[in-house]
């Protein structure tokens, strides 16, 4: 039932994003895909139809694909992944560093984002190996024109590490904990990261 579940989740996400967009919020959403979804040849058309029907556009979505699963069937999924990108969807390599991705794979496939797994982010300041992997992952992604998301930044020191490494986006408790749609908009309208420099953020946390 994974295809039905994925479509249901994506439809709900699209509807929520449509409401936010109409309310004047400039937002995007990331949605996880299963490798099994990528064997469905009509997936690009189905997701595009759902997004448009909700008043959104594929460019507002990033579809996350777990690295280790993708490597098991990359060739078979290449057509679907390429057409998703042509429709405008962003494509993210999720949990990077825990699977077997190669430079050639990242170079050949139209990924737009790389998410560094939390095991290389949380406490990287105390682990020189994790820190080295974090920094090299950022350099690799940027050299390929990809954005970098640091997963699992939970403390002020984690934040400092990912900022210094050059990550483009930070995901983790140091920014905010999971919350429902209403609470999120309330948080968004009151929290302005531009009002703090890094040192002030570290002091606050």
N, C-alpha and C. Protein backbone atom coordinates (compact mmCIF):
# COMPACT_ATOMS: atom_id res chain seq x y z
N UNK A 1 0.81 -1.21 0.00
CA UNK A 1 0.00 0.00 0.00
C UNK A 1 0.86 1.27 0.00
N UNK A 2 2.17 1.13 -0.23
CA UNK A 2 3.06 2.28 -0.11
C UNK A 2 2.72 3.39 -1.10
N UNK A 3 2.26 3.02 -2.31
CA UNK A 3 1.92 4.06 -3.28
C UNK A 3 0.71 4.87 -2.84
N UNK A 4 -0.30 4.18 -2.31
CA UNK A 4 -1.48 4.88 -1.80
C UNK A 4 -1.11 5.78 -0.63
N UNK A 5 -0.26 5.26 0.25
CA UNK A 5 0.15 6.05 1.41
C UNK A 5 0.94 7.29 0.99
N UNK A 6 1.87 7.12 0.06
CA UNK A 6 2.68 8.25 -0.39
C UNK A 6 1.81 9.32 -1.04
N UNK A 7 0.88 8.89 -1.87
CA UNK A 7 0.01 9.86 -2.54
C UNK A 7 -0.88 10.59 -1.53
N UNK A 8 -1.34 9.87 -0.51
CA UNK A 8 -2.17 10.48 0.51
C UNK A 8 -1.37 11.52 1.30
N UNK A 9 -0.15 11.18 1.67
CA UNK A 9 0.70 12.11 2.41
C UNK A 9 1.03 13.32 1.55
N UNK A 10 1.37 13.09 0.29
CA UNK A 10 1.71 14.20 -0.59
C UNK A 10 0.52 15.10 -0.84
N UNK A 11 -0.67 14.52 -0.94
CA UNK A 11 -1.88 15.33 -1.14
C UNK A 11 -2.13 16.21 0.09
N UNK A 12 -1.98 15.64 1.29
CA UNK A 12 -2.18 16.42 2.51
C UNK A 12 -1.13 17.53 2.62
N UNK A 13 0.11 17.21 2.25
CA UNK A 13 1.17 18.22 2.30
C UNK A 13 0.90 19.34 1.30
N UNK A 14 0.44 18.97 0.12
CA UNK A 14 0.14 19.97 -0.92
C UNK A 14 -0.99 20.89 -0.49
N UNK A 15 -2.01 20.31 0.11
CA UNK A 15 -3.14 21.12 0.55
C UNK A 15 -2.73 22.10 1.63
N UNK A 16 -1.88 21.63 2.58
CA UNK A 16 -1.42 22.52 3.63
C UNK A 16 -0.53 23.62 3.07
N UNK A 17 0.36 23.26 2.15
CA UNK A 17 1.22 24.26 1.54
C UNK A 17 0.41 25.26 0.72
N UNK A 18 -0.64 24.78 0.07
CA UNK A 18 -1.51 25.68 -0.67
C UNK A 18 -2.17 26.70 0.23
N UNK A 19 -2.61 26.26 1.41
CA UNK A 19 -3.23 27.18 2.37
C UNK A 19 -2.21 28.22 2.83
N UNK A 20 -1.00 27.78 3.12
CA UNK A 20 0.03 28.72 3.55
C UNK A 20 0.37 29.72 2.45
N UNK A 21 0.45 29.22 1.21
CA UNK A 21 0.79 30.09 0.08
C UNK A 21 -0.28 31.16 -0.11
N UNK A 22 -1.54 30.76 -0.04
CA UNK A 22 -2.63 31.72 -0.22
C UNK A 22 -2.68 32.73 0.92
N UNK A 23 -2.14 32.34 2.08
CA UNK A 23 -2.10 33.25 3.23
C UNK A 23 -0.89 34.18 3.18
N UNK A 24 -0.09 34.03 2.12
CA UNK A 24 1.04 34.94 1.94
C UNK A 24 2.37 34.44 2.49
N UNK A 25 2.44 33.16 2.86
CA UNK A 25 3.68 32.61 3.39
C UNK A 25 4.49 31.98 2.25
N UNK A 26 5.71 32.42 2.10
CA UNK A 26 6.59 31.89 1.05
C UNK A 26 7.35 30.70 1.60
N UNK A 27 6.82 29.50 1.39
CA UNK A 27 7.37 28.29 2.01
C UNK A 27 7.53 27.18 0.97
N UNK A 28 8.35 26.21 1.34
CA UNK A 28 8.48 24.99 0.55
C UNK A 28 8.40 23.81 1.52
N UNK A 29 8.18 22.63 0.97
CA UNK A 29 8.07 21.43 1.80
C UNK A 29 8.93 20.31 1.25
N UNK A 30 9.43 19.48 2.16
CA UNK A 30 10.13 18.26 1.77
C UNK A 30 9.26 17.06 2.13
N UNK A 31 9.21 16.10 1.21
CA UNK A 31 8.39 14.90 1.41
C UNK A 31 9.24 13.68 1.07
N UNK A 32 9.21 12.69 1.93
CA UNK A 32 9.96 11.47 1.68
C UNK A 32 9.29 10.59 0.65
N UNK A 33 10.09 10.00 -0.22
CA UNK A 33 9.61 9.00 -1.16
C UNK A 33 10.21 7.65 -0.82
N UNK A 34 9.43 6.61 -1.03
CA UNK A 34 9.95 5.26 -0.91
C UNK A 34 10.57 4.85 -2.24
N UNK A 35 11.59 4.01 -2.19
CA UNK A 35 12.16 3.48 -3.43
C UNK A 35 11.10 2.77 -4.25
N UNK A 36 10.14 2.15 -3.58
CA UNK A 36 9.08 1.44 -4.30
C UNK A 36 8.24 2.41 -5.12
N UNK A 37 8.10 3.66 -4.66
CA UNK A 37 7.35 4.66 -5.42
C UNK A 37 8.02 4.93 -6.76
N UNK A 38 9.34 4.86 -6.78
CA UNK A 38 10.08 5.24 -7.98
C UNK A 38 10.02 4.20 -9.09
N UNK A 39 9.33 3.10 -8.83
CA UNK A 39 9.11 2.12 -9.90
C UNK A 39 7.79 2.39 -10.62
N UNK A 40 7.02 3.38 -10.13
CA UNK A 40 5.75 3.72 -10.75
C UNK A 40 6.00 4.77 -11.83
N UNK A 41 5.85 4.37 -13.08
CA UNK A 41 6.22 5.25 -14.19
C UNK A 41 5.40 6.52 -14.27
N UNK A 42 4.18 6.52 -13.72
CA UNK A 42 3.34 7.71 -13.79
C UNK A 42 3.52 8.63 -12.59
N UNK A 43 4.48 8.34 -11.72
CA UNK A 43 4.66 9.12 -10.50
C UNK A 43 4.87 10.61 -10.77
N UNK A 44 5.71 11.02 -11.71
CA UNK A 44 5.89 12.47 -11.96
C UNK A 44 4.60 13.17 -12.33
N UNK A 45 3.79 12.54 -13.16
CA UNK A 45 2.52 13.13 -13.58
C UNK A 45 1.52 13.17 -12.44
N UNK A 46 1.48 12.11 -11.63
CA UNK A 46 0.54 12.04 -10.51
C UNK A 46 0.86 13.12 -9.48
N UNK A 47 2.13 13.25 -9.09
CA UNK A 47 2.50 14.23 -8.08
C UNK A 47 2.31 15.66 -8.59
N UNK A 48 2.59 15.87 -9.86
CA UNK A 48 2.39 17.21 -10.43
C UNK A 48 0.91 17.58 -10.42
N UNK A 49 0.06 16.63 -10.79
CA UNK A 49 -1.38 16.88 -10.79
C UNK A 49 -1.89 17.21 -9.39
N UNK A 50 -1.41 16.49 -8.39
CA UNK A 50 -1.82 16.74 -7.01
C UNK A 50 -1.36 18.13 -6.56
N UNK A 51 -0.11 18.47 -6.87
CA UNK A 51 0.42 19.77 -6.46
C UNK A 51 -0.35 20.92 -7.09
N UNK A 52 -0.61 20.84 -8.37
CA UNK A 52 -1.32 21.91 -9.08
C UNK A 52 -2.75 22.04 -8.58
N UNK A 53 -3.40 20.91 -8.34
CA UNK A 53 -4.78 20.92 -7.86
C UNK A 53 -4.90 21.62 -6.50
N UNK A 54 -3.81 21.57 -5.71
CA UNK A 54 -3.82 22.19 -4.39
C UNK A 54 -3.40 23.66 -4.44
N UNK A 55 -3.12 24.16 -5.64
CA UNK A 55 -2.71 25.54 -5.76
C UNK A 55 -1.24 25.77 -5.50
N UNK A 56 -0.45 24.72 -5.66
CA UNK A 56 0.99 24.83 -5.45
C UNK A 56 1.70 24.47 -6.76
N UNK A 57 3.03 24.46 -6.72
CA UNK A 57 3.81 24.14 -7.91
C UNK A 57 4.90 23.15 -7.52
N UNK A 58 5.29 22.24 -8.40
CA UNK A 58 6.34 21.28 -8.07
C UNK A 58 7.62 21.91 -7.55
N UNK A 59 7.93 23.13 -7.99
CA UNK A 59 9.16 23.78 -7.53
C UNK A 59 9.14 24.10 -6.04
N UNK A 60 7.97 24.00 -5.41
CA UNK A 60 7.87 24.25 -3.98
C UNK A 60 8.15 23.00 -3.15
N UNK A 61 8.42 21.89 -3.82
CA UNK A 61 8.62 20.63 -3.11
C UNK A 61 10.01 20.06 -3.37
N UNK A 62 10.56 19.45 -2.33
CA UNK A 62 11.76 18.65 -2.46
C UNK A 62 11.42 17.22 -2.06
N UNK A 63 11.73 16.28 -2.92
CA UNK A 63 11.44 14.87 -2.66
C UNK A 63 12.70 14.19 -2.16
N UNK A 64 12.62 13.62 -0.97
CA UNK A 64 13.79 13.03 -0.33
C UNK A 64 13.85 11.53 -0.59
N UNK A 65 15.02 11.08 -1.04
CA UNK A 65 15.23 9.66 -1.34
C UNK A 65 16.40 9.17 -0.50
N UNK A 66 16.19 8.12 0.28
CA UNK A 66 17.24 7.60 1.14
C UNK A 66 18.36 7.00 0.31
N UNK A 67 19.57 7.42 0.60
CA UNK A 67 20.74 7.04 -0.20
C UNK A 67 20.93 5.53 -0.34
N UNK A 68 20.90 4.81 0.78
CA UNK A 68 21.20 3.38 0.73
C UNK A 68 20.18 2.61 -0.09
N UNK A 69 18.91 2.98 0.00
CA UNK A 69 17.89 2.30 -0.79
C UNK A 69 18.02 2.62 -2.27
N UNK A 70 18.38 3.86 -2.57
CA UNK A 70 18.48 4.26 -3.96
C UNK A 70 19.56 3.47 -4.68
N UNK A 71 20.66 3.22 -4.01
CA UNK A 71 21.77 2.53 -4.64
C UNK A 71 21.41 1.11 -5.05
N UNK A 72 20.39 0.53 -4.45
CA UNK A 72 20.00 -0.83 -4.76
C UNK A 72 19.32 -0.94 -6.12
N UNK A 73 18.76 0.15 -6.62
CA UNK A 73 17.99 0.07 -7.87
C UNK A 73 18.06 1.38 -8.64
N UNK A 74 19.24 1.97 -8.71
CA UNK A 74 19.39 3.30 -9.28
C UNK A 74 19.03 3.34 -10.75
N UNK A 75 19.47 2.34 -11.52
CA UNK A 75 19.25 2.36 -12.96
C UNK A 75 17.77 2.29 -13.29
N UNK A 76 17.05 1.40 -12.60
CA UNK A 76 15.63 1.22 -12.87
C UNK A 76 14.83 2.48 -12.56
N UNK A 77 15.31 3.29 -11.64
CA UNK A 77 14.57 4.47 -11.20
C UNK A 77 15.01 5.74 -11.91
N UNK A 78 16.04 5.64 -12.74
CA UNK A 78 16.61 6.83 -13.36
C UNK A 78 15.60 7.60 -14.19
N UNK A 79 14.77 6.91 -14.94
CA UNK A 79 13.78 7.57 -15.80
C UNK A 79 12.79 8.38 -14.97
N UNK A 80 12.27 7.78 -13.90
CA UNK A 80 11.29 8.46 -13.06
C UNK A 80 11.91 9.65 -12.35
N UNK A 81 13.11 9.47 -11.82
CA UNK A 81 13.81 10.55 -11.11
C UNK A 81 14.08 11.72 -12.05
N UNK A 82 14.52 11.42 -13.25
CA UNK A 82 14.81 12.48 -14.22
C UNK A 82 13.56 13.26 -14.59
N UNK A 83 12.44 12.55 -14.79
CA UNK A 83 11.21 13.24 -15.16
C UNK A 83 10.64 14.04 -13.99
N UNK A 84 10.85 13.59 -12.76
CA UNK A 84 10.45 14.38 -11.59
C UNK A 84 11.20 15.70 -11.57
N UNK A 85 12.48 15.63 -11.88
CA UNK A 85 13.29 16.85 -11.90
C UNK A 85 12.84 17.79 -13.02
N UNK A 86 12.52 17.22 -14.18
CA UNK A 86 12.05 18.04 -15.30
C UNK A 86 10.72 18.71 -14.99
N UNK A 87 9.92 18.09 -14.13
CA UNK A 87 8.65 18.70 -13.73
C UNK A 87 8.87 19.88 -12.79
N UNK A 88 10.06 19.94 -12.19
CA UNK A 88 10.37 21.04 -11.30
C UNK A 88 10.61 20.65 -9.86
N UNK A 89 10.38 19.40 -9.51
CA UNK A 89 10.60 18.96 -8.13
C UNK A 89 12.09 18.99 -7.79
N UNK A 90 12.41 19.44 -6.57
CA UNK A 90 13.77 19.29 -6.08
C UNK A 90 13.97 17.84 -5.65
N UNK A 91 15.18 17.36 -5.72
CA UNK A 91 15.49 15.97 -5.36
C UNK A 91 16.62 15.95 -4.35
N UNK A 92 16.39 15.26 -3.25
CA UNK A 92 17.36 15.26 -2.15
C UNK A 92 17.87 13.85 -1.87
N UNK A 93 19.19 13.74 -1.64
CA UNK A 93 19.79 12.50 -1.17
C UNK A 93 19.71 12.52 0.34
N UNK A 94 18.84 11.70 0.91
CA UNK A 94 18.61 11.71 2.36
C UNK A 94 19.60 10.79 3.06
N UNK A 95 19.93 11.13 4.31
CA UNK A 95 20.82 10.31 5.14
C UNK A 95 22.17 10.07 4.48
N UNK A 96 22.71 11.09 3.82
CA UNK A 96 23.98 10.93 3.12
C UNK A 96 25.08 10.54 4.11
N UNK A 97 25.90 9.57 3.67
CA UNK A 97 27.00 9.10 4.50
C UNK A 97 26.73 7.77 5.14
N UNK A 98 25.46 7.32 5.11
CA UNK A 98 25.12 6.04 5.73
C UNK A 98 24.97 4.92 4.71
N UNK A 99 25.05 5.27 3.42
CA UNK A 99 24.89 4.26 2.37
C UNK A 99 26.14 4.15 1.52
N UNK A 100 25.94 4.00 0.22
CA UNK A 100 27.07 3.70 -0.65
C UNK A 100 27.10 4.59 -1.88
N UNK A 101 26.65 5.83 -1.74
CA UNK A 101 26.64 6.73 -2.89
C UNK A 101 28.07 7.01 -3.34
N UNK A 102 28.24 7.21 -4.62
CA UNK A 102 29.55 7.52 -5.17
C UNK A 102 29.49 8.86 -5.87
N UNK A 103 30.65 9.43 -6.13
CA UNK A 103 30.72 10.70 -6.84
C UNK A 103 30.07 10.58 -8.21
N UNK A 104 30.25 9.45 -8.86
CA UNK A 104 29.67 9.23 -10.18
C UNK A 104 28.15 9.27 -10.13
N UNK A 105 27.57 8.64 -9.10
CA UNK A 105 26.11 8.63 -8.96
C UNK A 105 25.57 10.04 -8.78
N UNK A 106 26.21 10.80 -7.88
CA UNK A 106 25.76 12.17 -7.63
C UNK A 106 25.94 13.05 -8.85
N UNK A 107 26.93 12.74 -9.65
CA UNK A 107 27.21 13.53 -10.83
C UNK A 107 26.24 13.23 -11.96
N UNK A 108 25.79 11.98 -12.05
CA UNK A 108 24.94 11.56 -13.17
C UNK A 108 23.47 11.85 -12.94
N UNK A 109 23.03 11.81 -11.69
CA UNK A 109 21.61 11.97 -11.40
C UNK A 109 21.30 13.41 -10.99
N UNK A 110 20.09 13.88 -11.29
CA UNK A 110 19.76 15.31 -11.13
C UNK A 110 19.37 15.72 -9.71
N UNK A 111 20.16 15.31 -8.72
CA UNK A 111 19.87 15.72 -7.35
C UNK A 111 20.18 17.21 -7.17
N UNK A 112 19.38 17.86 -6.34
CA UNK A 112 19.57 19.28 -6.07
C UNK A 112 20.00 19.54 -4.63
N UNK A 113 19.91 18.50 -3.80
CA UNK A 113 20.17 18.69 -2.37
C UNK A 113 20.80 17.44 -1.78
N UNK A 114 21.67 17.65 -0.81
CA UNK A 114 22.29 16.55 -0.08
C UNK A 114 22.04 16.78 1.40
N UNK A 115 21.49 15.78 2.09
CA UNK A 115 21.22 15.90 3.52
C UNK A 115 22.24 15.05 4.27
N UNK A 116 23.11 15.70 5.02
CA UNK A 116 24.13 15.00 5.78
C UNK A 116 23.49 14.38 7.01
N UNK A 117 23.68 13.08 7.20
CA UNK A 117 23.05 12.37 8.30
C UNK A 117 23.50 12.92 9.65
N UNK A 118 22.58 12.84 10.62
CA UNK A 118 22.84 13.42 11.94
C UNK A 118 24.05 12.81 12.64
N UNK A 119 24.45 11.60 12.28
CA UNK A 119 25.59 10.97 12.94
C UNK A 119 26.89 11.73 12.64
N UNK A 120 26.88 12.56 11.58
CA UNK A 120 28.04 13.36 11.25
C UNK A 120 27.85 14.83 11.63
N UNK A 121 26.71 15.13 12.25
CA UNK A 121 26.39 16.51 12.63
C UNK A 121 26.38 16.67 14.14
N UNK A 122 25.57 15.85 14.81
CA UNK A 122 25.44 15.97 16.26
C UNK A 122 26.75 15.54 16.93
N UNK A 123 27.30 16.45 17.71
CA UNK A 123 28.56 16.24 18.43
C UNK A 123 29.78 16.18 17.51
N UNK A 124 29.66 16.71 16.29
CA UNK A 124 30.82 16.74 15.39
C UNK A 124 31.95 17.57 15.97
N UNK A 125 31.60 18.50 16.84
CA UNK A 125 32.62 19.35 17.47
C UNK A 125 33.55 18.56 18.37
N UNK A 126 33.10 17.37 18.83
CA UNK A 126 33.93 16.52 19.69
C UNK A 126 34.48 15.31 18.95
N UNK A 127 34.12 15.15 17.68
CA UNK A 127 34.52 13.98 16.90
C UNK A 127 35.20 14.45 15.62
N UNK A 128 36.52 14.42 15.57
CA UNK A 128 37.23 14.94 14.39
C UNK A 128 36.91 14.19 13.11
N UNK A 129 36.58 12.89 13.21
CA UNK A 129 36.24 12.13 12.01
C UNK A 129 34.89 12.58 11.46
N UNK A 130 33.90 12.72 12.35
CA UNK A 130 32.58 13.20 11.93
C UNK A 130 32.70 14.61 11.36
N UNK A 131 33.51 15.44 11.97
CA UNK A 131 33.70 16.81 11.49
C UNK A 131 34.31 16.81 10.10
N UNK A 132 35.28 15.94 9.86
CA UNK A 132 35.92 15.87 8.55
C UNK A 132 34.93 15.40 7.49
N UNK A 133 34.08 14.43 7.83
CA UNK A 133 33.08 13.94 6.88
C UNK A 133 32.06 15.02 6.58
N UNK A 134 31.65 15.75 7.61
CA UNK A 134 30.70 16.85 7.42
C UNK A 134 31.27 17.89 6.46
N UNK A 135 32.48 18.33 6.70
CA UNK A 135 33.08 19.36 5.86
C UNK A 135 33.30 18.88 4.43
N UNK A 136 33.77 17.63 4.27
CA UNK A 136 34.02 17.12 2.93
C UNK A 136 32.71 16.90 2.17
N UNK A 137 31.65 16.54 2.88
CA UNK A 137 30.34 16.37 2.23
C UNK A 137 29.82 17.70 1.70
N UNK A 138 30.01 18.75 2.49
CA UNK A 138 29.59 20.09 2.06
C UNK A 138 30.37 20.51 0.82
N UNK A 139 31.67 20.30 0.84
CA UNK A 139 32.50 20.67 -0.30
C UNK A 139 32.11 19.89 -1.55
N UNK A 140 31.85 18.59 -1.38
CA UNK A 140 31.45 17.75 -2.50
C UNK A 140 30.14 18.24 -3.10
N UNK A 141 29.15 18.47 -2.25
CA UNK A 141 27.83 18.90 -2.74
C UNK A 141 27.92 20.24 -3.45
N UNK A 142 28.61 21.17 -2.86
CA UNK A 142 28.72 22.50 -3.48
C UNK A 142 29.46 22.44 -4.80
N UNK A 143 30.44 21.55 -4.91
CA UNK A 143 31.16 21.43 -6.18
C UNK A 143 30.27 20.88 -7.28
N UNK A 144 29.20 20.18 -6.88
CA UNK A 144 28.25 19.63 -7.85
C UNK A 144 27.01 20.51 -7.99
N UNK A 145 27.04 21.70 -7.39
CA UNK A 145 25.91 22.62 -7.51
C UNK A 145 24.72 22.25 -6.66
N UNK A 146 24.94 21.50 -5.60
CA UNK A 146 23.84 21.06 -4.73
C UNK A 146 23.82 21.87 -3.43
N UNK A 147 22.63 22.03 -2.88
CA UNK A 147 22.47 22.61 -1.55
C UNK A 147 22.73 21.53 -0.50
N UNK A 148 23.11 21.96 0.71
CA UNK A 148 23.42 21.01 1.78
C UNK A 148 22.54 21.29 2.99
N UNK A 149 21.90 20.23 3.48
CA UNK A 149 21.10 20.30 4.70
C UNK A 149 21.81 19.49 5.78
N UNK A 150 22.01 20.08 6.94
CA UNK A 150 22.59 19.36 8.08
C UNK A 150 21.45 18.86 8.97
N UNK A 151 21.34 17.54 9.11
CA UNK A 151 20.30 16.95 9.94
C UNK A 151 20.80 16.77 11.37
N UNK A 152 19.90 16.92 12.33
CA UNK A 152 20.23 16.57 13.70
C UNK A 152 21.09 17.57 14.44
N UNK A 153 21.02 18.85 14.08
CA UNK A 153 21.72 19.87 14.84
C UNK A 153 20.91 20.17 16.10
N UNK A 154 21.40 19.74 17.25
CA UNK A 154 20.59 19.81 18.46
C UNK A 154 21.10 20.83 19.48
N UNK A 155 22.36 21.19 19.39
CA UNK A 155 22.93 22.09 20.38
C UNK A 155 23.57 23.30 19.71
N UNK A 156 23.94 24.28 20.53
CA UNK A 156 24.60 25.47 20.01
C UNK A 156 25.93 25.11 19.36
N UNK A 157 26.62 24.13 19.93
CA UNK A 157 27.90 23.72 19.34
C UNK A 157 27.68 23.03 17.99
N UNK A 158 26.61 22.24 17.88
CA UNK A 158 26.27 21.64 16.59
C UNK A 158 26.03 22.74 15.56
N UNK A 159 25.29 23.76 15.97
CA UNK A 159 24.98 24.87 15.08
C UNK A 159 26.26 25.55 14.60
N UNK A 160 27.17 25.78 15.52
CA UNK A 160 28.43 26.42 15.16
C UNK A 160 29.20 25.58 14.14
N UNK A 161 29.21 24.26 14.33
CA UNK A 161 29.94 23.37 13.42
C UNK A 161 29.36 23.42 12.01
N UNK A 162 28.04 23.34 11.89
CA UNK A 162 27.45 23.29 10.55
C UNK A 162 27.53 24.64 9.85
N UNK A 163 27.46 25.72 10.62
CA UNK A 163 27.62 27.05 10.03
C UNK A 163 29.05 27.20 9.50
N UNK A 164 30.02 26.82 10.32
CA UNK A 164 31.42 26.93 9.90
C UNK A 164 31.74 26.01 8.73
N UNK A 165 31.03 24.88 8.63
CA UNK A 165 31.26 23.94 7.53
C UNK A 165 30.66 24.45 6.22
N UNK A 166 29.74 25.41 6.31
CA UNK A 166 29.15 25.99 5.11
C UNK A 166 27.82 25.39 4.70
N UNK A 167 27.13 24.70 5.62
CA UNK A 167 25.83 24.13 5.29
C UNK A 167 24.84 25.24 4.95
N UNK A 168 23.95 24.96 4.00
CA UNK A 168 22.99 25.96 3.54
C UNK A 168 21.74 26.01 4.40
N UNK A 169 21.34 24.84 4.92
CA UNK A 169 20.11 24.73 5.71
C UNK A 169 20.38 23.86 6.93
N UNK A 170 19.77 24.22 8.03
CA UNK A 170 19.97 23.49 9.29
C UNK A 170 18.64 22.91 9.75
N UNK A 171 18.65 21.64 10.09
CA UNK A 171 17.45 20.97 10.58
C UNK A 171 17.77 20.35 11.93
N UNK A 172 16.98 20.70 12.94
CA UNK A 172 17.24 20.11 14.25
C UNK A 172 16.65 20.91 15.39
N UNK A 173 16.75 20.36 16.58
CA UNK A 173 16.15 20.96 17.76
C UNK A 173 16.74 22.32 18.09
N UNK A 174 17.97 22.60 17.65
CA UNK A 174 18.56 23.89 17.96
C UNK A 174 17.78 25.02 17.28
N UNK A 175 17.10 24.71 16.18
CA UNK A 175 16.24 25.69 15.51
C UNK A 175 14.82 25.61 16.06
N UNK A 176 14.23 24.42 16.04
CA UNK A 176 12.88 24.22 16.58
C UNK A 176 12.58 22.74 16.64
N UNK A 177 11.66 22.38 17.50
CA UNK A 177 11.19 21.00 17.59
C UNK A 177 9.97 20.82 16.68
N UNK A 178 9.62 19.58 16.35
CA UNK A 178 8.45 19.34 15.51
C UNK A 178 7.20 19.98 16.12
N UNK A 179 6.33 20.49 15.25
CA UNK A 179 5.11 21.13 15.73
C UNK A 179 4.03 21.01 14.66
N UNK A 180 2.78 21.22 15.06
CA UNK A 180 1.70 21.12 14.09
C UNK A 180 1.64 22.40 13.24
N UNK A 181 0.76 22.39 12.25
CA UNK A 181 0.72 23.47 11.27
C UNK A 181 0.42 24.83 11.89
N UNK A 182 -0.52 24.87 12.83
CA UNK A 182 -0.90 26.14 13.46
C UNK A 182 0.26 26.68 14.29
N UNK A 183 0.85 25.81 15.09
CA UNK A 183 1.97 26.24 15.93
C UNK A 183 3.16 26.68 15.08
N UNK A 184 3.35 26.01 13.95
CA UNK A 184 4.47 26.37 13.08
C UNK A 184 4.35 27.80 12.56
N UNK A 185 3.16 28.16 12.09
CA UNK A 185 2.97 29.53 11.57
C UNK A 185 3.15 30.55 12.68
N UNK A 186 2.68 30.25 13.88
CA UNK A 186 2.89 31.16 15.00
C UNK A 186 4.37 31.34 15.27
N UNK A 187 5.13 30.22 15.22
CA UNK A 187 6.58 30.28 15.43
C UNK A 187 7.25 31.06 14.31
N UNK A 188 6.84 30.80 13.08
CA UNK A 188 7.46 31.44 11.92
C UNK A 188 7.31 32.95 11.96
N UNK A 189 6.17 33.42 12.38
CA UNK A 189 5.89 34.86 12.35
C UNK A 189 6.58 35.61 13.49
N UNK A 190 7.08 34.90 14.48
CA UNK A 190 7.73 35.57 15.62
C UNK A 190 9.23 35.36 15.66
N UNK A 191 9.73 34.32 14.96
CA UNK A 191 11.17 34.03 15.00
C UNK A 191 11.82 34.50 13.72
N UNK A 192 12.75 35.41 13.86
CA UNK A 192 13.46 35.96 12.71
C UNK A 192 14.95 35.71 12.89
N UNK A 193 15.51 34.74 12.16
CA UNK A 193 16.94 34.43 12.35
C UNK A 193 17.85 35.58 11.99
N UNK A 194 17.36 36.51 11.18
CA UNK A 194 18.19 37.63 10.76
C UNK A 194 18.50 38.59 11.90
N UNK A 195 17.73 38.49 12.98
CA UNK A 195 17.96 39.42 14.08
C UNK A 195 19.11 38.99 14.96
N UNK A 196 19.63 37.78 14.74
CA UNK A 196 20.73 37.28 15.54
C UNK A 196 21.96 37.01 14.67
N UNK A 197 23.13 37.29 15.21
CA UNK A 197 24.32 36.74 14.57
C UNK A 197 24.64 35.43 15.27
N UNK A 198 25.62 34.70 14.75
CA UNK A 198 25.90 33.37 15.30
C UNK A 198 26.26 33.42 16.77
N UNK A 199 27.06 34.40 17.16
CA UNK A 199 27.48 34.48 18.54
C UNK A 199 26.29 34.69 19.48
N UNK A 200 25.33 35.53 19.06
CA UNK A 200 24.15 35.75 19.88
C UNK A 200 23.31 34.50 20.00
N UNK A 201 23.20 33.74 18.89
CA UNK A 201 22.44 32.49 18.91
C UNK A 201 23.09 31.52 19.89
N UNK A 202 24.42 31.43 19.85
CA UNK A 202 25.13 30.53 20.75
C UNK A 202 24.91 30.94 22.20
N UNK A 203 24.87 32.24 22.47
CA UNK A 203 24.66 32.71 23.83
C UNK A 203 23.24 32.41 24.30
N UNK A 204 22.26 32.58 23.37
CA UNK A 204 20.86 32.32 23.71
C UNK A 204 20.67 30.85 24.05
N UNK A 205 21.35 29.97 23.30
CA UNK A 205 21.18 28.55 23.53
C UNK A 205 22.07 28.03 24.65
